[in-house]
């Protein structure tokens, strides 16, 4: 398994601080810990024990979601090839929730 990169996408800015759209980028390491880099006029970097902890604090009840970047290395969900690109991207295995993506087998 390799580290997996992601973006935090905020659809509604409940706090009025971060704005909407891609508000941060991060990486989930093989042990589950996460490095997160916030965008904006005062960017910062934080290390978290896991993705669940980040979303418990910054998820705003579903207003912020994880969008996995390493799509090509993860297994697609059958049937998503018929959906528009962005929807298929979000619905791909491990991308519609905040849970870590599945391990990728190596030869």
N, C-alpha and C. Protein backbone atom coordinates (compact mmCIF):
# COMPACT_ATOMS: atom_id res chain seq x y z
N UNK A 1 0.84 -1.18 0.00
CA UNK A 1 0.00 0.00 0.00
C UNK A 1 0.89 1.25 0.00
N UNK A 2 0.46 2.27 -0.74
CA UNK A 2 1.18 3.53 -0.81
C UNK A 2 0.36 4.62 -0.13
N UNK A 3 1.00 5.71 0.27
CA UNK A 3 0.23 6.85 0.77
C UNK A 3 -0.76 7.32 -0.30
N UNK A 4 -1.92 7.79 0.13
CA UNK A 4 -2.97 8.24 -0.79
C UNK A 4 -3.23 9.73 -0.59
N UNK A 5 -3.27 10.49 -1.68
CA UNK A 5 -3.50 11.92 -1.59
C UNK A 5 -4.97 12.25 -1.82
N UNK A 6 -5.38 13.39 -1.26
CA UNK A 6 -6.78 13.81 -1.35
C UNK A 6 -6.89 15.32 -1.26
N UNK A 7 -8.09 15.80 -1.57
CA UNK A 7 -8.46 17.20 -1.38
C UNK A 7 -9.66 17.24 -0.45
N UNK A 8 -9.74 18.27 0.38
CA UNK A 8 -10.95 18.53 1.15
C UNK A 8 -11.76 19.54 0.35
N UNK A 9 -12.98 19.18 0.00
CA UNK A 9 -13.85 20.04 -0.78
C UNK A 9 -14.99 20.48 0.11
N UNK A 10 -15.16 21.78 0.24
CA UNK A 10 -16.21 22.34 1.10
C UNK A 10 -17.30 22.93 0.20
N UNK A 11 -18.51 22.43 0.40
CA UNK A 11 -19.66 22.90 -0.39
C UNK A 11 -20.36 24.07 0.26
N UNK A 12 -20.32 24.13 1.58
CA UNK A 12 -20.93 25.23 2.33
C UNK A 12 -19.95 25.66 3.40
N UNK A 13 -19.65 26.94 3.47
CA UNK A 13 -18.71 27.45 4.47
C UNK A 13 -19.50 27.90 5.69
N UNK A 14 -19.76 26.98 6.58
CA UNK A 14 -20.58 27.25 7.77
C UNK A 14 -19.90 28.27 8.69
N UNK A 15 -18.58 28.18 8.82
CA UNK A 15 -17.85 29.06 9.74
C UNK A 15 -17.56 30.44 9.14
N UNK A 16 -17.61 30.55 7.81
CA UNK A 16 -17.29 31.81 7.16
C UNK A 16 -15.80 32.10 7.12
N UNK A 17 -14.96 31.08 7.29
CA UNK A 17 -13.51 31.29 7.35
C UNK A 17 -12.79 30.74 6.11
N UNK A 18 -13.07 29.50 5.76
CA UNK A 18 -12.30 28.82 4.72
C UNK A 18 -12.81 29.02 3.31
N UNK A 19 -14.04 29.45 3.14
CA UNK A 19 -14.61 29.56 1.82
C UNK A 19 -15.13 28.22 1.33
N UNK A 20 -15.40 28.14 0.04
CA UNK A 20 -15.91 26.90 -0.55
C UNK A 20 -14.95 26.42 -1.63
N UNK A 21 -15.19 25.22 -2.13
CA UNK A 21 -14.31 24.63 -3.12
C UNK A 21 -13.23 23.82 -2.43
N UNK A 22 -12.08 23.68 -3.06
CA UNK A 22 -10.97 22.93 -2.48
C UNK A 22 -10.33 23.82 -1.41
N UNK A 23 -10.46 23.43 -0.14
CA UNK A 23 -9.95 24.24 0.96
C UNK A 23 -8.66 23.69 1.56
N UNK A 24 -8.34 22.42 1.25
CA UNK A 24 -7.11 21.82 1.78
C UNK A 24 -6.73 20.62 0.93
N UNK A 25 -5.48 20.20 1.08
CA UNK A 25 -5.00 18.98 0.43
C UNK A 25 -4.24 18.18 1.47
N UNK A 26 -4.23 16.88 1.26
CA UNK A 26 -3.56 16.06 2.27
C UNK A 26 -3.11 14.72 1.75
N UNK A 27 -2.52 13.97 2.68
CA UNK A 27 -1.99 12.65 2.37
C UNK A 27 -2.25 11.73 3.56
N UNK A 28 -2.85 10.57 3.27
CA UNK A 28 -3.03 9.54 4.28
C UNK A 28 -1.87 8.57 4.13
N UNK A 29 -1.08 8.44 5.18
CA UNK A 29 0.07 7.55 5.16
C UNK A 29 -0.34 6.11 5.44
N UNK A 30 0.55 5.19 5.22
CA UNK A 30 0.22 3.77 5.34
C UNK A 30 -0.19 3.36 6.74
N UNK A 31 0.21 4.12 7.76
CA UNK A 31 -0.21 3.79 9.13
C UNK A 31 -1.52 4.47 9.52
N UNK A 32 -2.13 5.21 8.58
CA UNK A 32 -3.40 5.88 8.83
C UNK A 32 -3.27 7.33 9.25
N UNK A 33 -2.07 7.79 9.62
CA UNK A 33 -1.91 9.19 10.00
C UNK A 33 -2.01 10.07 8.77
N UNK A 34 -2.33 11.35 8.99
CA UNK A 34 -2.63 12.26 7.89
C UNK A 34 -1.88 13.58 8.04
N UNK A 35 -1.30 14.05 6.95
CA UNK A 35 -0.75 15.40 6.87
C UNK A 35 -1.76 16.22 6.06
N UNK A 36 -2.13 17.37 6.59
CA UNK A 36 -3.15 18.21 5.94
C UNK A 36 -2.62 19.62 5.77
N UNK A 37 -2.72 20.16 4.56
CA UNK A 37 -2.27 21.52 4.26
C UNK A 37 -3.47 22.36 3.85
N UNK A 38 -3.78 23.38 4.66
CA UNK A 38 -4.89 24.28 4.39
C UNK A 38 -4.49 25.33 3.38
N UNK A 39 -5.40 25.70 2.48
CA UNK A 39 -5.20 26.77 1.50
C UNK A 39 -5.66 28.08 2.11
N UNK A 40 -5.51 29.15 1.36
CA UNK A 40 -6.06 30.44 1.78
C UNK A 40 -4.98 31.44 2.15
N UNK A 41 -5.42 32.60 2.63
CA UNK A 41 -4.47 33.68 2.93
C UNK A 41 -3.54 33.36 4.10
N UNK A 42 -3.93 32.44 4.98
CA UNK A 42 -3.09 32.04 6.11
C UNK A 42 -2.92 30.52 6.12
N UNK A 43 -2.21 29.96 5.12
CA UNK A 43 -2.10 28.51 5.02
C UNK A 43 -1.35 27.92 6.22
N UNK A 44 -1.72 26.70 6.55
CA UNK A 44 -1.06 26.00 7.65
C UNK A 44 -1.04 24.51 7.36
N UNK A 45 -0.16 23.81 8.06
CA UNK A 45 -0.03 22.37 7.91
C UNK A 45 -0.22 21.74 9.28
N UNK A 46 -0.97 20.63 9.31
CA UNK A 46 -1.20 19.93 10.58
C UNK A 46 -1.08 18.43 10.35
N UNK A 47 -0.68 17.72 11.39
CA UNK A 47 -0.61 16.26 11.37
C UNK A 47 -1.72 15.74 12.27
N UNK A 48 -2.49 14.80 11.75
CA UNK A 48 -3.63 14.22 12.46
C UNK A 48 -3.44 12.71 12.61
N UNK A 49 -4.04 12.11 13.62
CA UNK A 49 -3.89 10.65 13.78
C UNK A 49 -4.62 9.85 12.71
N UNK A 50 -5.70 10.44 12.15
CA UNK A 50 -6.47 9.75 11.12
C UNK A 50 -7.44 10.72 10.46
N UNK A 51 -8.04 10.29 9.36
CA UNK A 51 -8.97 11.13 8.61
C UNK A 51 -10.27 11.35 9.36
N UNK A 52 -10.69 10.36 10.15
CA UNK A 52 -11.91 10.52 10.95
C UNK A 52 -11.80 11.73 11.88
N UNK A 53 -10.63 11.91 12.47
CA UNK A 53 -10.42 13.03 13.40
C UNK A 53 -10.54 14.37 12.68
N UNK A 54 -9.99 14.46 11.47
CA UNK A 54 -10.10 15.70 10.70
C UNK A 54 -11.55 16.03 10.41
N UNK A 55 -12.29 15.04 9.95
CA UNK A 55 -13.69 15.31 9.58
C UNK A 55 -14.58 15.53 10.80
N UNK A 56 -14.21 14.98 11.94
CA UNK A 56 -14.97 15.25 13.16
C UNK A 56 -14.88 16.73 13.52
N UNK A 57 -13.73 17.35 13.24
CA UNK A 57 -13.53 18.76 13.56
C UNK A 57 -13.93 19.67 12.40
N UNK A 58 -13.56 19.29 11.17
CA UNK A 58 -13.72 20.19 10.01
C UNK A 58 -14.77 19.75 9.00
N UNK A 59 -15.45 18.65 9.24
CA UNK A 59 -16.41 18.12 8.28
C UNK A 59 -17.71 18.89 8.19
N UNK A 60 -18.05 19.61 9.24
CA UNK A 60 -19.27 20.43 9.27
C UNK A 60 -20.50 19.65 8.81
N UNK A 61 -20.68 18.46 9.39
CA UNK A 61 -21.87 17.63 9.15
C UNK A 61 -22.09 17.33 7.67
N UNK A 62 -21.03 17.06 6.95
CA UNK A 62 -21.15 16.71 5.53
C UNK A 62 -20.94 17.85 4.57
N UNK A 63 -20.74 19.07 5.07
CA UNK A 63 -20.51 20.22 4.19
C UNK A 63 -19.11 20.17 3.58
N UNK A 64 -18.23 19.34 4.14
CA UNK A 64 -16.88 19.15 3.62
C UNK A 64 -16.68 17.67 3.36
N UNK A 65 -16.19 17.32 2.17
CA UNK A 65 -15.98 15.92 1.82
C UNK A 65 -14.55 15.70 1.34
N UNK A 66 -14.14 14.44 1.37
CA UNK A 66 -12.83 14.03 0.88
C UNK A 66 -12.97 13.62 -0.58
N UNK A 67 -12.11 14.16 -1.43
CA UNK A 67 -12.06 13.73 -2.83
C UNK A 67 -10.66 13.17 -3.06
N UNK A 68 -10.60 11.86 -3.29
CA UNK A 68 -9.31 11.17 -3.48
C UNK A 68 -8.71 11.55 -4.82
N UNK A 69 -7.40 11.79 -4.85
CA UNK A 69 -6.70 12.20 -6.06
C UNK A 69 -6.12 11.01 -6.80
N UNK A 70 -5.65 10.01 -6.12
CA UNK A 70 -5.00 8.85 -6.75
C UNK A 70 -6.01 7.87 -7.31
N UNK A 71 -6.88 8.35 -8.15
CA UNK A 71 -7.98 7.55 -8.68
C UNK A 71 -7.48 6.36 -9.49
N UNK A 72 -6.46 6.55 -10.29
CA UNK A 72 -6.01 5.50 -11.20
C UNK A 72 -5.50 4.26 -10.47
N UNK A 73 -5.10 4.40 -9.21
CA UNK A 73 -4.56 3.26 -8.47
C UNK A 73 -5.60 2.56 -7.62
N UNK A 74 -6.85 2.98 -7.68
CA UNK A 74 -7.90 2.38 -6.88
C UNK A 74 -8.92 1.72 -7.79
N UNK A 75 -9.58 0.73 -7.27
CA UNK A 75 -10.56 -0.01 -8.07
C UNK A 75 -11.82 0.82 -8.27
N UNK A 76 -12.34 0.91 -9.51
CA UNK A 76 -13.57 1.65 -9.75
C UNK A 76 -14.79 0.87 -9.26
N UNK A 77 -15.86 1.58 -9.01
CA UNK A 77 -17.12 0.95 -8.65
C UNK A 77 -17.84 0.59 -9.94
N UNK A 78 -18.28 -0.66 -10.10
CA UNK A 78 -18.99 -1.04 -11.34
C UNK A 78 -20.17 -0.10 -11.60
N UNK A 79 -20.30 0.32 -12.84
CA UNK A 79 -21.42 1.18 -13.24
C UNK A 79 -21.12 2.66 -13.20
N UNK A 80 -20.05 3.08 -12.52
CA UNK A 80 -19.78 4.51 -12.44
C UNK A 80 -19.20 5.07 -13.73
N UNK A 81 -18.83 4.20 -14.67
CA UNK A 81 -18.29 4.68 -15.94
C UNK A 81 -19.36 5.40 -16.76
N UNK A 82 -20.63 5.22 -16.43
CA UNK A 82 -21.72 5.87 -17.15
C UNK A 82 -22.12 7.20 -16.53
N UNK A 83 -21.53 7.55 -15.39
CA UNK A 83 -21.87 8.79 -14.70
C UNK A 83 -20.97 9.93 -15.19
N UNK A 84 -21.44 11.18 -15.02
CA UNK A 84 -20.56 12.31 -15.36
C UNK A 84 -19.26 12.21 -14.57
N UNK A 85 -18.16 12.71 -15.13
CA UNK A 85 -16.83 12.57 -14.55
C UNK A 85 -16.72 12.88 -13.07
N UNK A 86 -17.20 14.04 -12.64
CA UNK A 86 -17.04 14.43 -11.24
C UNK A 86 -17.80 13.49 -10.31
N UNK A 87 -19.00 13.09 -10.71
CA UNK A 87 -19.79 12.16 -9.87
C UNK A 87 -19.11 10.81 -9.80
N UNK A 88 -18.64 10.30 -10.91
CA UNK A 88 -17.94 9.02 -10.93
C UNK A 88 -16.68 9.09 -10.07
N UNK A 89 -15.98 10.20 -10.12
CA UNK A 89 -14.76 10.39 -9.34
C UNK A 89 -15.06 10.31 -7.85
N UNK A 90 -16.10 10.97 -7.40
CA UNK A 90 -16.46 10.98 -5.98
C UNK A 90 -16.99 9.63 -5.54
N UNK A 91 -17.74 8.94 -6.41
CA UNK A 91 -18.34 7.67 -6.03
C UNK A 91 -17.40 6.48 -6.16
N UNK A 92 -16.22 6.68 -6.73
CA UNK A 92 -15.28 5.56 -6.88
C UNK A 92 -14.97 4.98 -5.51
N UNK A 93 -14.63 3.73 -5.47
CA UNK A 93 -14.41 3.02 -4.22
C UNK A 93 -13.56 3.83 -3.26
N UNK A 94 -14.07 4.02 -2.04
CA UNK A 94 -13.33 4.73 -1.00
C UNK A 94 -13.39 6.23 -1.10
N UNK A 95 -14.10 6.78 -2.07
CA UNK A 95 -14.10 8.22 -2.25
C UNK A 95 -15.40 8.89 -1.83
N UNK A 96 -16.43 8.14 -1.54
CA UNK A 96 -17.68 8.77 -1.17
C UNK A 96 -17.80 8.95 0.33
N UNK A 97 -16.83 8.47 1.09
CA UNK A 97 -16.80 8.65 2.53
C UNK A 97 -15.42 9.13 2.92
N UNK A 98 -15.23 9.33 4.19
CA UNK A 98 -13.93 9.78 4.67
C UNK A 98 -13.02 8.63 5.04
N UNK A 99 -13.44 7.40 4.83
CA UNK A 99 -12.62 6.25 5.19
C UNK A 99 -11.44 6.10 4.23
N UNK A 100 -10.37 5.52 4.76
CA UNK A 100 -9.18 5.31 3.94
C UNK A 100 -9.51 4.47 2.72
N UNK A 101 -8.82 4.72 1.60
CA UNK A 101 -9.04 3.92 0.40
C UNK A 101 -8.54 2.50 0.61
N UNK A 102 -9.06 1.56 -0.18
CA UNK A 102 -8.60 0.18 -0.04
C UNK A 102 -7.15 0.03 -0.48
N UNK A 103 -6.50 -0.98 0.06
CA UNK A 103 -5.11 -1.25 -0.30
C UNK A 103 -5.03 -1.69 -1.75
N UNK A 104 -3.98 -1.31 -2.41
CA UNK A 104 -3.75 -1.69 -3.80
C UNK A 104 -2.72 -2.81 -3.80
N UNK A 105 -3.07 -3.93 -4.42
CA UNK A 105 -2.16 -5.07 -4.48
C UNK A 105 -1.00 -4.75 -5.41
N UNK A 106 0.18 -5.17 -5.02
CA UNK A 106 1.35 -4.98 -5.88
C UNK A 106 1.89 -6.34 -6.29
N UNK A 107 2.43 -6.40 -7.49
CA UNK A 107 2.93 -7.68 -8.00
C UNK A 107 4.33 -7.95 -7.53
